């Protein structure tokens, strides 16, 4: 099994909601659909029900403590989670994932103050 397929399988098994959330909005057409990464994430958050946002945020936390802690998480994000974004550096990839988490938490806490994954 190739590394890309292995990363994709791991993401499908361990973080299915996070993978689905990201790959549905950050596929190859995100620049046409949304213009910026932030706009794509904003649309994903708005169009996802609260219960699903909570699942995504919880899985993000699990992902971040394992795959996300790799020295260079770009393959885990791109190949594993299906994000079609070319990150120039590992720092850019981490910033993107932190942006996703921040937006999830803000949206969830609008309805449930103090919610934690």
Protein backbone atom coordinates (compact mmCIF):
# COMPACT_ATOMS: atom_id res chain seq x y z
CA UNK A 1 0.00 0.00 0.00
CA UNK A 2 1.44 3.39 -0.99
CA UNK A 3 2.02 6.11 1.57
CA UNK A 4 -0.79 8.31 0.21
CA UNK A 5 -3.29 5.46 0.35
CA UNK A 6 -2.11 4.54 3.85
CA UNK A 7 -2.58 8.13 5.07
CA UNK A 8 -6.03 8.33 3.43
CA UNK A 9 -7.10 5.03 5.04
CA UNK A 10 -5.87 6.13 8.45
CA UNK A 11 -7.82 9.39 8.16
CA UNK A 12 -10.98 7.56 7.03
CA UNK A 13 -10.73 5.19 9.98
CA UNK A 14 -9.65 7.60 12.73
CA UNK A 15 -11.04 11.01 11.75
CA UNK A 16 -13.88 10.45 9.25
CA UNK A 17 -15.83 13.60 10.15
CA UNK A 18 -12.75 15.83 9.97
CA UNK A 19 -11.73 14.29 6.64
CA UNK A 20 -15.20 14.71 5.17
CA UNK A 21 -15.50 18.30 6.43
CA UNK A 22 -12.17 19.32 4.89
CA UNK A 23 -12.29 17.45 1.61
CA UNK A 24 -15.85 18.58 0.85
CA UNK A 25 -14.90 22.25 0.98
CA UNK A 26 -11.17 22.29 0.23
CA UNK A 27 -11.18 20.22 -2.95
CA UNK A 28 -9.64 21.32 -6.26
CA UNK A 29 -12.38 23.91 -6.92
CA UNK A 30 -12.13 25.84 -3.64
CA UNK A 31 -10.38 28.84 -5.29
CA UNK A 32 -13.22 29.17 -7.80
CA UNK A 33 -15.97 28.48 -5.26
CA UNK A 34 -14.66 30.59 -2.37
CA UNK A 35 -11.64 32.64 -3.45
CA UNK A 36 -9.63 32.21 -0.25
CA UNK A 37 -8.92 29.41 2.18
CA UNK A 38 -10.55 31.37 4.96
CA UNK A 39 -13.73 31.85 2.91
CA UNK A 40 -13.84 28.11 2.19
CA UNK A 41 -13.49 27.30 5.89
CA UNK A 42 -16.12 29.92 6.78
CA UNK A 43 -18.58 28.37 4.31
CA UNK A 44 -17.86 24.89 5.64
CA UNK A 45 -18.58 26.03 9.19
CA UNK A 46 -21.80 27.85 8.26
CA UNK A 47 -23.15 24.95 6.21
CA UNK A 48 -22.39 22.26 8.82
CA UNK A 49 -24.86 21.52 11.66
CA UNK A 50 -23.70 22.16 15.23
CA UNK A 51 -23.62 18.46 16.18
CA UNK A 52 -21.34 17.74 13.21
CA UNK A 53 -19.11 20.72 14.03
CA UNK A 54 -18.59 19.25 17.50
CA UNK A 55 -17.58 15.90 16.00
CA UNK A 56 -15.20 17.62 13.60
CA UNK A 57 -13.62 19.69 16.41
CA UNK A 58 -13.18 16.61 18.60
CA UNK A 59 -11.55 14.71 15.76
CA UNK A 60 -9.35 17.73 14.96
CA UNK A 61 -8.09 17.58 18.56
CA UNK A 62 -7.31 13.85 18.21
CA UNK A 63 -5.69 14.37 14.81
CA UNK A 64 -3.57 17.26 16.08
CA UNK A 65 -2.20 15.25 18.99
CA UNK A 66 -1.05 12.44 16.68
CA UNK A 67 -0.68 13.05 12.92
CA UNK A 68 -0.67 16.83 13.32
CA UNK A 69 2.38 16.74 15.53
CA UNK A 70 4.58 15.44 12.69
CA UNK A 71 7.55 17.70 11.90
CA UNK A 72 5.96 18.33 8.50
CA UNK A 73 2.18 17.66 8.53
CA UNK A 74 1.58 18.57 4.87
CA UNK A 75 1.22 14.96 3.66
CA UNK A 76 -1.14 14.14 6.53
CA UNK A 77 -3.27 17.16 5.61
CA UNK A 78 -3.14 16.78 1.83
CA UNK A 79 -2.98 13.02 1.27
CA UNK A 80 -4.68 11.95 4.50
CA UNK A 81 -7.42 14.52 5.00
CA UNK A 82 -7.94 15.32 1.31
CA UNK A 83 -7.13 19.03 1.45
CA UNK A 84 -6.23 20.28 -2.03
CA UNK A 85 -4.00 23.19 -1.02
CA UNK A 86 -0.32 23.61 -1.81
CA UNK A 87 1.27 24.68 1.46
CA UNK A 88 4.68 26.27 0.93
CA UNK A 89 5.99 25.28 4.38
CA UNK A 90 5.06 23.07 7.32
CA UNK A 91 4.28 26.29 9.22
CA UNK A 92 1.72 27.28 6.57
CA UNK A 93 0.03 23.89 6.94
CA UNK A 94 -0.10 24.22 10.72
CA UNK A 95 -1.49 27.75 10.45
CA UNK A 96 -4.23 26.47 8.18
CA UNK A 97 -5.21 23.68 10.57
CA UNK A 98 -5.19 26.12 13.50
CA UNK A 99 -7.45 28.45 11.51
CA UNK A 100 -9.87 25.57 10.97
CA UNK A 101 -9.92 24.74 14.68
CA UNK A 102 -10.33 28.37 15.75
CA UNK A 103 -13.31 28.83 13.43
CA UNK A 104 -14.89 25.58 14.65
CA UNK A 105 -14.56 26.61 18.29
CA UNK A 106 -15.94 30.12 17.72
CA UNK A 107 -18.97 28.71 15.88
CA UNK A 108 -19.66 26.03 18.50
CA UNK A 109 -19.26 28.39 21.45
CA UNK A 110 -21.80 30.80 19.98
CA UNK A 111 -24.40 28.20 20.92
CA UNK A 112 -22.62 26.39 23.76
CA UNK A 113 -20.47 28.64 25.90
CA UNK A 114 -17.34 26.98 27.22
CA UNK A 115 -17.69 23.84 25.04
CA UNK A 116 -14.51 21.76 24.91
CA UNK A 117 -13.69 18.82 22.65
